[in-house]
Amino acid sequence: MGSGKSTIGRLIAKKIDSYFLDTDSLIEHYENREISEIFKTDGEEYFRDCEKRVFEWITKSVKNSVVSTGGGLPMFVPQIKQAGVVIYLKVEFNDIVSRLTQEEISKRPLFQDLNQAKSLFDKRDEVYTKLADYIIENKSLNETLNKILSIKG
């Protein structure tokens, strides 16, 4: 949440002349509603099922694209490497909090309580670290872009 996945993903896709897909956006378009509404109406379990379905579609139908996953997808779809190279954009929790506006926080159902969000962050960090092919500290946009573009694969 708030690591810059979508911003960086779009820039990388443009640089390599590829397509950019965001799993959260794909879910919102398929469901014709925002993620916050999905959580409110149908709950987290239903949303996680949506993530699994979109992941299955990506692995079967998408090639040579940059994909930004929702923050929880690697937690519930540990076979994420089947889709391609996995890059973990690592950002410290306090930096994420300082990046997000109140409006952005209000759109993130799992970010409403900062103590719970920090606990979730710590759990995810452990899983992301294990699943990632590359871990890149996202401190500055240009530095992060250059590090990702230098990856051969």
N, C-alpha and C. Protein backbone atom coordinates (compact mmCIF):
# COMPACT_ATOMS: atom_id res chain seq x y z
N MET A 1 0.84 -1.19 0.00
CA MET A 1 0.00 0.00 0.00
C MET A 1 0.88 1.24 0.00
N GLY A 2 0.71 2.07 -1.02
CA GLY A 2 1.40 3.35 -1.03
C GLY A 2 2.89 3.30 -1.30
N SER A 3 3.37 2.21 -1.90
CA SER A 3 4.81 2.10 -2.15
C SER A 3 5.24 2.73 -3.46
N GLY A 4 4.28 3.12 -4.28
CA GLY A 4 4.60 3.69 -5.57
C GLY A 4 4.52 2.69 -6.72
N LYS A 5 3.90 1.53 -6.47
CA LYS A 5 3.84 0.47 -7.48
C LYS A 5 3.20 0.96 -8.78
N SER A 6 2.09 1.64 -8.69
CA SER A 6 1.37 2.08 -9.89
C SER A 6 2.15 3.16 -10.63
N THR A 7 2.68 4.12 -9.92
CA THR A 7 3.45 5.20 -10.55
C THR A 7 4.67 4.63 -11.26
N ILE A 8 5.45 3.83 -10.54
CA ILE A 8 6.67 3.24 -11.11
C ILE A 8 6.31 2.28 -12.24
N GLY A 9 5.29 1.47 -12.03
CA GLY A 9 4.89 0.50 -13.05
C GLY A 9 4.54 1.16 -14.36
N ARG A 10 3.78 2.25 -14.31
CA ARG A 10 3.42 2.97 -15.53
C ARG A 10 4.65 3.52 -16.25
N LEU A 11 5.57 4.08 -15.48
CA LEU A 11 6.78 4.65 -16.07
C LEU A 11 7.66 3.56 -16.69
N ILE A 12 7.80 2.44 -16.02
CA ILE A 12 8.60 1.33 -16.55
C ILE A 12 7.96 0.81 -17.84
N ALA A 13 6.66 0.60 -17.82
CA ALA A 13 5.97 0.10 -19.02
C ALA A 13 6.21 1.02 -20.21
N LYS A 14 6.12 2.31 -19.98
CA LYS A 14 6.34 3.27 -21.07
C LYS A 14 7.78 3.19 -21.58
N LYS A 15 8.73 3.11 -20.66
CA LYS A 15 10.15 3.05 -21.04
C LYS A 15 10.47 1.82 -21.86
N ILE A 16 9.82 0.69 -21.56
CA ILE A 16 10.12 -0.55 -22.28
C ILE A 16 9.10 -0.83 -23.38
N ASP A 17 8.25 0.14 -23.65
CA ASP A 17 7.24 0.04 -24.70
C ASP A 17 6.36 -1.20 -24.50
N SER A 18 5.76 -1.23 -23.33
CA SER A 18 4.93 -2.36 -22.94
C SER A 18 3.61 -1.84 -22.37
N TYR A 19 2.78 -2.76 -21.96
CA TYR A 19 1.52 -2.39 -21.32
C TYR A 19 1.67 -2.45 -19.81
N PHE A 20 0.86 -1.64 -19.14
CA PHE A 20 0.82 -1.63 -17.68
C PHE A 20 -0.55 -2.07 -17.22
N LEU A 21 -0.59 -3.02 -16.31
CA LEU A 21 -1.85 -3.48 -15.71
C LEU A 21 -1.75 -3.38 -14.20
N ASP A 22 -2.83 -2.95 -13.59
CA ASP A 22 -2.91 -2.86 -12.14
C ASP A 22 -4.03 -3.79 -11.70
N THR A 23 -3.72 -4.77 -10.87
CA THR A 23 -4.74 -5.77 -10.50
C THR A 23 -5.92 -5.14 -9.79
N ASP A 24 -5.68 -4.13 -8.97
CA ASP A 24 -6.81 -3.48 -8.29
C ASP A 24 -7.73 -2.79 -9.30
N SER A 25 -7.15 -2.13 -10.29
CA SER A 25 -7.96 -1.48 -11.33
C SER A 25 -8.73 -2.50 -12.15
N LEU A 26 -8.09 -3.62 -12.46
CA LEU A 26 -8.77 -4.68 -13.20
C LEU A 26 -9.98 -5.18 -12.42
N ILE A 27 -9.81 -5.37 -11.12
CA ILE A 27 -10.92 -5.84 -10.28
C ILE A 27 -12.03 -4.79 -10.25
N GLU A 28 -11.67 -3.53 -10.07
CA GLU A 28 -12.68 -2.47 -10.03
C GLU A 28 -13.46 -2.40 -11.34
N HIS A 29 -12.78 -2.55 -12.46
CA HIS A 29 -13.47 -2.51 -13.75
C HIS A 29 -14.37 -3.72 -13.93
N TYR A 30 -13.89 -4.89 -13.56
CA TYR A 30 -14.69 -6.10 -13.70
C TYR A 30 -15.94 -6.04 -12.81
N GLU A 31 -15.74 -5.57 -11.58
CA GLU A 31 -16.83 -5.49 -10.61
C GLU A 31 -17.71 -4.25 -10.80
N ASN A 32 -17.19 -3.28 -11.55
CA ASN A 32 -17.88 -2.01 -11.76
C ASN A 32 -18.15 -1.27 -10.44
N ARG A 33 -17.16 -1.33 -9.55
CA ARG A 33 -17.24 -0.61 -8.28
C ARG A 33 -15.84 -0.54 -7.68
N GLU A 34 -15.67 0.40 -6.75
CA GLU A 34 -14.37 0.59 -6.12
C GLU A 34 -14.10 -0.50 -5.09
N ILE A 35 -12.83 -0.69 -4.80
CA ILE A 35 -12.42 -1.72 -3.84
C ILE A 35 -13.04 -1.47 -2.48
N SER A 36 -13.09 -0.21 -2.07
CA SER A 36 -13.69 0.09 -0.76
C SER A 36 -15.14 -0.39 -0.72
N GLU A 37 -15.85 -0.26 -1.82
CA GLU A 37 -17.24 -0.73 -1.89
C GLU A 37 -17.31 -2.26 -1.86
N ILE A 38 -16.37 -2.91 -2.54
CA ILE A 38 -16.33 -4.38 -2.51
C ILE A 38 -16.12 -4.86 -1.08
N PHE A 39 -15.16 -4.25 -0.37
CA PHE A 39 -14.91 -4.63 1.03
C PHE A 39 -16.15 -4.41 1.88
N LYS A 40 -16.77 -3.25 1.70
CA LYS A 40 -17.93 -2.88 2.51
C LYS A 40 -19.12 -3.80 2.25
N THR A 41 -19.37 -4.10 0.99
CA THR A 41 -20.55 -4.87 0.62
C THR A 41 -20.35 -6.38 0.74
N ASP A 42 -19.21 -6.87 0.25
CA ASP A 42 -19.01 -8.31 0.16
C ASP A 42 -17.89 -8.85 1.05
N GLY A 43 -17.07 -7.97 1.61
CA GLY A 43 -16.04 -8.39 2.54
C GLY A 43 -14.70 -8.71 1.89
N GLU A 44 -13.71 -8.86 2.75
CA GLU A 44 -12.34 -9.10 2.29
C GLU A 44 -12.21 -10.45 1.59
N GLU A 45 -12.89 -11.46 2.09
CA GLU A 45 -12.77 -12.80 1.48
C GLU A 45 -13.20 -12.76 0.01
N TYR A 46 -14.29 -12.08 -0.29
CA TYR A 46 -14.75 -11.96 -1.67
C TYR A 46 -13.70 -11.23 -2.51
N PHE A 47 -13.14 -10.15 -1.95
CA PHE A 47 -12.11 -9.41 -2.67
C PHE A 47 -10.91 -10.29 -2.97
N ARG A 48 -10.50 -11.10 -2.01
CA ARG A 48 -9.35 -11.99 -2.23
C ARG A 48 -9.65 -13.02 -3.32
N ASP A 49 -10.88 -13.46 -3.42
CA ASP A 49 -11.28 -14.34 -4.52
C ASP A 49 -11.16 -13.60 -5.86
N CYS A 50 -11.52 -12.33 -5.86
CA CYS A 50 -11.37 -11.52 -7.08
C CYS A 50 -9.89 -11.44 -7.47
N GLU A 51 -9.02 -11.25 -6.48
CA GLU A 51 -7.59 -11.19 -6.76
C GLU A 51 -7.10 -12.50 -7.37
N LYS A 52 -7.56 -13.61 -6.83
CA LYS A 52 -7.14 -14.92 -7.36
C LYS A 52 -7.60 -15.08 -8.80
N ARG A 53 -8.82 -14.66 -9.10
CA ARG A 53 -9.33 -14.77 -10.47
C ARG A 53 -8.53 -13.89 -11.43
N VAL A 54 -8.22 -12.67 -11.02
CA VAL A 54 -7.46 -11.78 -11.90
C VAL A 54 -6.04 -12.31 -12.09
N PHE A 55 -5.48 -12.91 -11.05
CA PHE A 55 -4.14 -13.50 -11.18
C PHE A 55 -4.16 -14.66 -12.17
N GLU A 56 -5.17 -15.51 -12.08
CA GLU A 56 -5.30 -16.64 -13.03
C GLU A 56 -5.41 -16.12 -14.46
N TRP A 57 -6.19 -15.06 -14.66
CA TRP A 57 -6.32 -14.48 -15.99
C TRP A 57 -4.98 -13.95 -16.48
N ILE A 58 -4.24 -13.26 -15.60
CA ILE A 58 -2.93 -12.71 -15.99
C ILE A 58 -1.98 -13.83 -16.40
N THR A 59 -1.90 -14.90 -15.61
CA THR A 59 -0.96 -15.98 -15.93
C THR A 59 -1.33 -16.68 -17.24
N LYS A 60 -2.61 -16.73 -17.58
CA LYS A 60 -3.04 -17.40 -18.81
C LYS A 60 -3.03 -16.48 -20.03
N SER A 61 -3.26 -15.20 -19.83
CA SER A 61 -3.56 -14.31 -20.95
C SER A 61 -2.60 -13.16 -21.18
N VAL A 62 -1.72 -12.85 -20.24
CA VAL A 62 -0.90 -11.66 -20.35
C VAL A 62 0.57 -12.04 -20.51
N LYS A 63 1.22 -11.42 -21.48
CA LYS A 63 2.65 -11.64 -21.72
C LYS A 63 3.31 -10.28 -21.90
N ASN A 64 4.58 -10.21 -21.53
CA ASN A 64 5.39 -9.01 -21.78
C ASN A 64 4.72 -7.73 -21.31
N SER A 65 4.23 -7.72 -20.10
CA SER A 65 3.58 -6.54 -19.53
C SER A 65 4.11 -6.29 -18.13
N VAL A 66 3.93 -5.07 -17.68
CA VAL A 66 4.26 -4.70 -16.31
C VAL A 66 2.96 -4.78 -15.52
N VAL A 67 2.98 -5.54 -14.42
CA VAL A 67 1.78 -5.73 -13.62
C VAL A 67 2.05 -5.26 -12.19
N SER A 68 1.20 -4.38 -11.73
CA SER A 68 1.25 -3.94 -10.33
C SER A 68 0.14 -4.67 -9.59
N THR A 69 0.52 -5.38 -8.54
CA THR A 69 -0.49 -6.11 -7.78
C THR A 69 -0.96 -5.28 -6.60
N GLY A 70 -2.17 -5.56 -6.16
CA GLY A 70 -2.62 -4.99 -4.91
C GLY A 70 -1.71 -5.50 -3.80
N GLY A 71 -1.60 -4.74 -2.73
CA GLY A 71 -0.67 -5.07 -1.66
C GLY A 71 -0.86 -6.44 -1.03
N GLY A 72 -2.09 -6.96 -1.03
CA GLY A 72 -2.34 -8.24 -0.39
C GLY A 72 -2.21 -9.43 -1.31
N LEU A 73 -2.16 -9.20 -2.61
CA LEU A 73 -2.16 -10.33 -3.53
C LEU A 73 -1.05 -11.34 -3.25
N PRO A 74 0.18 -10.92 -3.02
CA PRO A 74 1.23 -11.92 -2.74
C PRO A 74 0.96 -12.74 -1.46
N MET A 75 0.18 -12.20 -0.55
CA MET A 75 -0.14 -12.92 0.68
C MET A 75 -1.11 -14.07 0.40
N PHE A 76 -1.99 -13.87 -0.56
CA PHE A 76 -3.05 -14.83 -0.83
C PHE A 76 -2.82 -15.62 -2.11
N VAL A 77 -1.83 -15.20 -2.89
CA VAL A 77 -1.47 -15.91 -4.12
C VAL A 77 0.06 -16.09 -4.09
N PRO A 78 0.54 -17.02 -3.28
CA PRO A 78 1.99 -17.18 -3.14
C PRO A 78 2.69 -17.68 -4.41
N GLN A 79 1.92 -18.18 -5.37
CA GLN A 79 2.51 -18.64 -6.64
C GLN A 79 2.70 -17.48 -7.62
N ILE A 80 2.86 -16.29 -7.11
CA ILE A 80 2.96 -15.07 -7.92
C ILE A 80 4.07 -15.15 -8.97
N LYS A 81 5.15 -15.90 -8.69
CA LYS A 81 6.27 -15.98 -9.64
C LYS A 81 5.86 -16.65 -10.95
N GLN A 82 4.73 -17.35 -10.96
CA GLN A 82 4.26 -17.94 -12.20
C GLN A 82 3.93 -16.87 -13.24
N ALA A 83 3.69 -15.67 -12.78
CA ALA A 83 3.34 -14.57 -13.69
C ALA A 83 4.58 -13.88 -14.26
N GLY A 84 5.74 -14.10 -13.67
CA GLY A 84 6.95 -13.46 -14.18
C GLY A 84 7.88 -13.03 -13.07
N VAL A 85 8.76 -12.11 -13.38
CA VAL A 85 9.74 -11.58 -12.43
C VAL A 85 9.01 -10.75 -11.38
N VAL A 86 9.32 -10.99 -10.12
CA VAL A 86 8.66 -10.28 -9.02
C VAL A 86 9.65 -9.29 -8.40
N ILE A 87 9.26 -8.02 -8.41
CA ILE A 87 10.07 -6.96 -7.82
C ILE A 87 9.29 -6.38 -6.64
N TYR A 88 9.94 -6.37 -5.49
CA TYR A 88 9.35 -5.78 -4.29
C TYR A 88 9.89 -4.37 -4.15
N LEU A 89 9.02 -3.38 -4.31
CA LEU A 89 9.39 -1.99 -4.07
C LEU A 89 9.26 -1.74 -2.58
N LYS A 90 10.38 -1.73 -1.92
CA LYS A 90 10.37 -1.62 -0.46
C LYS A 90 10.41 -0.15 -0.03
N VAL A 91 9.48 0.19 0.85
CA VAL A 91 9.39 1.54 1.41
C VAL A 91 9.08 1.37 2.89
N GLU A 92 9.73 2.14 3.72
CA GLU A 92 9.48 2.06 5.16
C GLU A 92 8.06 2.54 5.47
N PHE A 93 7.46 1.96 6.50
CA PHE A 93 6.07 2.26 6.84
C PHE A 93 5.84 3.75 7.06
N ASN A 94 6.71 4.40 7.82
CA ASN A 94 6.52 5.84 8.10
C ASN A 94 6.58 6.67 6.82
N ASP A 95 7.40 6.24 5.85
CA ASP A 95 7.47 6.94 4.58
C ASP A 95 6.16 6.78 3.80
N ILE A 96 5.58 5.58 3.87
CA ILE A 96 4.29 5.34 3.20
C ILE A 96 3.23 6.26 3.80
N VAL A 97 3.17 6.31 5.12
CA VAL A 97 2.17 7.15 5.79
C VAL A 97 2.34 8.61 5.38
N SER A 98 3.57 9.07 5.30
CA SER A 98 3.79 10.48 4.95
C SER A 98 3.46 10.77 3.48
N ARG A 99 3.50 9.76 2.62
CA ARG A 99 3.18 9.94 1.20
C ARG A 99 1.68 10.04 0.93
N LEU A 100 0.89 9.39 1.76
CA LEU A 100 -0.54 9.27 1.50
C LEU A 100 -1.31 10.48 2.01
N THR A 101 -2.22 10.97 1.18
CA THR A 101 -3.12 12.02 1.64
C THR A 101 -4.27 11.37 2.41
N GLN A 102 -5.03 12.16 3.11
CA GLN A 102 -6.18 11.64 3.86
C GLN A 102 -7.18 10.98 2.91
N GLU A 103 -7.35 11.56 1.73
CA GLU A 103 -8.27 10.98 0.74
C GLU A 103 -7.79 9.60 0.29
N GLU A 104 -6.47 9.46 0.07
CA GLU A 104 -5.93 8.16 -0.33
C GLU A 104 -6.09 7.12 0.79
N ILE A 105 -5.87 7.55 2.01
CA ILE A 105 -6.03 6.64 3.16
C ILE A 105 -7.48 6.18 3.26
N SER A 106 -8.42 7.10 3.02
CA SER A 106 -9.84 6.74 3.14
C SER A 106 -10.26 5.70 2.10
N LYS A 107 -9.53 5.59 0.99
CA LYS A 107 -9.84 4.61 -0.05
C LYS A 107 -9.25 3.23 0.25
N ARG A 108 -8.44 3.13 1.28
CA ARG A 108 -7.74 1.89 1.58
C ARG A 108 -8.35 1.25 2.83
N PRO A 109 -9.20 0.26 2.64
CA PRO A 109 -9.93 -0.33 3.77
C PRO A 109 -9.02 -0.87 4.88
N LEU A 110 -7.86 -1.38 4.53
CA LEU A 110 -6.98 -1.98 5.54
C LEU A 110 -6.01 -0.96 6.13
N PHE A 111 -6.21 0.31 5.84
CA PHE A 111 -5.31 1.35 6.33
C PHE A 111 -6.02 2.32 7.27
N GLN A 112 -7.20 1.96 7.73
CA GLN A 112 -7.98 2.86 8.56
C GLN A 112 -7.43 3.00 9.98
N ASP A 113 -6.84 1.95 10.50
CA ASP A 113 -6.22 1.97 11.83
C ASP A 113 -4.72 1.83 11.63
N LEU A 114 -3.95 2.87 12.00
CA LEU A 114 -2.51 2.86 11.73
C LEU A 114 -1.77 1.73 12.45
N ASN A 115 -2.20 1.38 13.65
CA ASN A 115 -1.54 0.28 14.36
C ASN A 115 -1.77 -1.05 13.64
N GLN A 116 -2.99 -1.27 13.18
CA GLN A 116 -3.28 -2.49 12.42
C GLN A 116 -2.55 -2.46 11.08
N ALA A 117 -2.50 -1.29 10.45
CA ALA A 117 -1.81 -1.17 9.17
C ALA A 117 -0.32 -1.47 9.33
N LYS A 118 0.28 -1.02 10.43
CA LYS A 118 1.70 -1.30 10.68
C LYS A 118 1.92 -2.79 10.90
N SER A 119 1.04 -3.43 11.63
CA SER A 119 1.15 -4.87 11.84
C SER A 119 1.02 -5.62 10.51
N LEU A 120 0.07 -5.21 9.69
CA LEU A 120 -0.11 -5.81 8.37
C LEU A 120 1.13 -5.58 7.51
N PHE A 121 1.68 -4.38 7.56
CA PHE A 121 2.90 -4.05 6.82
C PHE A 121 4.03 -5.00 7.19
N ASP A 122 4.22 -5.23 8.49
CA ASP A 122 5.30 -6.11 8.96
C ASP A 122 5.12 -7.54 8.45
N LYS A 123 3.88 -8.04 8.47
CA LYS A 123 3.61 -9.39 7.97
C LYS A 123 3.88 -9.46 6.47
N ARG A 124 3.42 -8.46 5.75
CA ARG A 124 3.60 -8.45 4.30
C ARG A 124 5.07 -8.33 3.93
N ASP A 125 5.80 -7.51 4.65
CA ASP A 125 7.22 -7.32 4.36
C ASP A 125 7.96 -8.66 4.40
N GLU A 126 7.65 -9.47 5.38
CA GLU A 126 8.28 -10.79 5.52
C GLU A 126 7.96 -11.67 4.30
N VAL A 127 6.71 -11.70 3.90
CA VAL A 127 6.29 -12.53 2.75
C VAL A 127 6.87 -11.97 1.45
N TYR A 128 6.78 -10.66 1.25
CA TYR A 128 7.30 -10.04 0.03
C TYR A 128 8.79 -10.33 -0.13
N THR A 129 9.52 -10.26 0.98
CA THR A 129 10.96 -10.49 0.94
C THR A 129 11.25 -11.92 0.47
N LYS A 130 10.47 -12.88 0.93
CA LYS A 130 10.66 -14.28 0.53
C LYS A 130 10.29 -14.52 -0.92
N LEU A 131 9.25 -13.86 -1.42
CA LEU A 131 8.74 -14.12 -2.76
C LEU A 131 9.47 -13.34 -3.86
N ALA A 132 10.12 -12.26 -3.50
CA ALA A 132 10.69 -11.36 -4.51
C ALA A 132 11.93 -11.93 -5.18
N ASP A 133 12.00 -11.71 -6.48
CA ASP A 133 13.24 -11.99 -7.22
C ASP A 133 14.23 -10.86 -6.97
N TYR A 134 13.71 -9.65 -6.82
CA TYR A 134 14.52 -8.46 -6.56
C TYR A 134 13.81 -7.59 -5.53
N ILE A 135 14.61 -7.03 -4.62
CA ILE A 135 14.08 -6.08 -3.64
C ILE A 135 14.76 -4.74 -3.93
N ILE A 136 13.94 -3.74 -4.20
CA ILE A 136 14.47 -2.42 -4.53
C ILE A 136 13.87 -1.40 -3.58
N GLU A 137 14.75 -0.71 -2.87
CA GLU A 137 14.31 0.36 -1.97
C GLU A 137 13.82 1.52 -2.84
N ASN A 138 12.59 1.92 -2.66
CA ASN A 138 12.02 3.01 -3.44
C ASN A 138 12.14 4.31 -2.67
N LYS A 139 13.33 4.91 -2.79
CA LYS A 139 13.56 6.18 -2.10
C LYS A 139 13.45 7.37 -3.05
N SER A 140 13.92 7.21 -4.27
CA SER A 140 13.80 8.29 -5.25
C SER A 140 13.35 7.69 -6.58
N LEU A 141 12.49 8.40 -7.25
CA LEU A 141 11.88 7.90 -8.48
C LEU A 141 12.91 7.51 -9.53
N ASN A 142 13.82 8.41 -9.86
CA ASN A 142 14.81 8.13 -10.91
C ASN A 142 15.73 6.98 -10.54
N GLU A 143 16.16 6.94 -9.30
CA GLU A 143 17.04 5.86 -8.85
C GLU A 143 16.32 4.52 -8.94
N THR A 144 15.07 4.48 -8.51
CA THR A 144 14.28 3.25 -8.56
C THR A 144 14.06 2.81 -10.00
N LEU A 145 13.70 3.74 -10.87
CA LEU A 145 13.51 3.41 -12.28
C LEU A 145 14.78 2.82 -12.89
N ASN A 146 15.92 3.46 -12.62
CA ASN A 146 17.18 2.98 -13.18
C ASN A 146 17.54 1.59 -12.66
N LYS A 147 17.30 1.34 -11.39
CA LYS A 147 17.59 0.01 -10.84
C LYS A 147 16.72 -1.05 -11.51
N ILE A 148 15.45 -0.77 -11.70
CA ILE A 148 14.55 -1.75 -12.32
C ILE A 148 14.94 -1.95 -13.79
N LEU A 149 15.23 -0.89 -14.49
CA LEU A 149 15.59 -0.99 -15.90
C LEU A 149 16.91 -1.73 -16.11
N SER A 150 17.76 -1.76 -15.08
CA SER A 150 19.04 -2.46 -15.21
C SER A 150 18.91 -3.98 -14.99
N ILE A 151 17.74 -4.42 -14.52
CA ILE A 151 17.51 -5.85 -14.30
C ILE A 151 17.39 -6.55 -15.63
N LYS A 152 18.13 -7.63 -15.78
CA LYS A 152 18.06 -8.43 -17.01
C LYS A 152 17.08 -9.56 -16.75
N GLY A 153 16.12 -9.72 -17.63
CA GLY A 153 15.18 -10.82 -17.40
C GLY A 153 13.98 -10.66 -18.13
